Amino acid sequence: MAISRADLFRGRFRSEPTALQAPSAAPQALEARIGAGCLSYTGTDCRMCGDHCDHGAIRFRPLGRGRWLPIIEEGGCTGCGDCATVCPVKAVTMEAVSA
């Protein structure tokens, strides 16, 4: 069983498929989407999703008056879901990307 240090601290574990486990159908690529309920849109300085994105795919552009616009860099999101798990209002969702 291969466990990365980051996965260990986040409570996620990966296991290698055994001979008895058949690999599932081709996995769909996922990408993060930030909904209208994001705290940054309302002027609350949150940035939890950006802090937990190991790939730096989420950036924040200032809008003025304490408001920030979270932007997901095109092609930067790996679909790991770290940002969605830490969002306090569940505004970040993982959606399938059409290839």
Protein backbone atom coordinates (compact mmCIF):
# COMPACT_ATOMS: atom_id res chain seq x y z
CA MET A 1 0.00 0.00 0.00
CA ALA A 2 1.48 3.34 -1.08
CA ILE A 3 0.66 6.26 1.20
CA SER A 4 2.00 9.71 0.54
CA ARG A 5 2.70 12.00 3.46
CA ALA A 6 0.12 14.51 2.25
CA ASP A 7 -2.54 11.80 1.98
CA LEU A 8 -1.74 10.58 5.47
CA PHE A 9 -2.29 14.03 7.00
CA ARG A 10 -5.47 14.61 4.99
CA GLY A 11 -6.91 11.26 6.04
CA ARG A 12 -6.91 9.72 2.57
CA PHE A 13 -5.27 6.47 1.71
CA ARG A 14 -4.46 4.89 -1.63
CA SER A 15 -4.08 1.21 -2.15
CA GLU A 16 -2.73 -0.61 -5.15
CA PRO A 17 -5.30 -2.80 -6.92
CA THR A 18 -4.84 -6.46 -6.12
CA ALA A 19 -5.27 -9.32 -8.55
CA LEU A 20 -8.80 -9.88 -7.21
CA GLN A 21 -9.87 -6.30 -7.88
CA ALA A 22 -10.70 -5.63 -11.49
CA PRO A 23 -9.82 -2.11 -12.59
CA SER A 24 -12.95 -0.04 -13.08
CA ALA A 25 -13.89 1.69 -16.29
CA ALA A 26 -11.67 4.51 -17.50
CA PRO A 27 -11.80 7.23 -14.83
CA GLN A 28 -13.23 10.57 -15.85
CA ALA A 29 -11.08 13.63 -15.44
CA LEU A 30 -12.37 15.98 -12.75
CA GLU A 31 -11.87 19.69 -12.39
CA ALA A 32 -12.77 22.09 -9.58
CA ARG A 33 -15.55 24.63 -10.03
CA ILE A 34 -16.23 27.49 -7.61
CA GLY A 35 -19.88 28.30 -7.06
CA ALA A 36 -21.65 31.54 -6.18
CA GLY A 37 -21.72 30.63 -2.48
CA CYS A 38 -17.97 31.23 -2.16
CA LEU A 39 -17.12 33.39 0.87
CA SER A 40 -14.62 35.42 -1.18
CA TYR A 41 -17.46 36.75 -3.32
CA THR A 42 -19.20 38.19 -0.26
CA GLY A 43 -16.14 40.00 1.08
CA THR A 44 -15.05 37.39 3.64
CA ASP A 45 -11.34 36.68 3.30
CA CYS A 46 -11.23 32.88 3.18
CA ARG A 47 -8.74 31.50 0.60
CA MET A 48 -8.81 28.01 2.11
CA CYS A 49 -9.08 26.39 -1.32
CA GLY A 50 -6.02 28.22 -2.62
CA ASP A 51 -3.98 27.39 0.48
CA HIS A 52 -4.67 23.68 0.10
CA CYS A 53 -4.04 23.49 -3.65
CA ASP A 54 -0.62 21.85 -3.91
CA HIS A 55 -0.41 22.63 -7.63
CA GLY A 56 -1.19 26.35 -7.31
CA ALA A 57 -4.14 26.07 -9.66
CA ILE A 58 -6.31 28.49 -7.65
CA ARG A 59 -5.32 32.15 -7.68
CA PHE A 60 -7.09 35.18 -6.24
CA ARG A 61 -7.56 38.46 -8.11
CA PRO A 62 -8.42 41.53 -6.01
CA LEU A 63 -11.80 43.11 -6.74
CA GLY A 64 -11.53 45.93 -4.20
CA ARG A 65 -13.14 46.55 -0.81
CA GLY A 66 -11.82 43.28 0.59
CA ARG A 67 -13.33 41.13 -2.11
CA TRP A 68 -11.27 38.60 -4.06
CA LEU A 69 -12.14 36.65 -7.18
CA PRO A 70 -10.96 33.03 -7.02
CA ILE A 71 -9.75 31.85 -10.41
CA ILE A 72 -8.90 28.29 -11.37
CA GLU A 73 -6.00 28.31 -13.81
CA GLU A 74 -6.88 26.55 -17.05
CA GLY A 75 -5.05 23.25 -17.24
CA GLY A 76 -3.65 23.65 -13.72
CA CYS A 77 -6.31 21.67 -11.85
CA THR A 78 -5.44 18.00 -11.44
CA GLY A 79 -8.81 17.02 -9.98
CA CYS A 80 -7.38 15.90 -6.62
CA GLY A 81 -10.29 17.44 -4.69
CA ASP A 82 -8.20 18.95 -1.88
CA CYS A 83 -9.85 22.35 -2.40
CA ALA A 84 -13.38 20.91 -2.25
CA THR A 85 -12.79 19.08 1.02
CA VAL A 86 -11.64 22.18 2.92
CA CYS A 87 -14.24 24.67 1.69
CA PRO A 88 -16.26 25.71 4.78
CA VAL A 89 -19.41 26.45 2.75
CA LYS A 90 -18.98 23.67 0.17
CA ALA A 91 -18.86 26.17 -2.71
CA VAL A 92 -16.12 24.20 -4.48
CA THR A 93 -17.33 21.17 -6.40
CA MET A 94 -15.58 18.63 -8.57
CA GLU A 95 -17.11 18.24 -12.03
CA ALA A 96 -16.31 15.85 -14.85
CA VAL A 97 -14.42 17.39 -17.74
CA SER A 98 -15.50 16.50 -21.24
CA ALA A 99 -12.53 15.39 -23.29
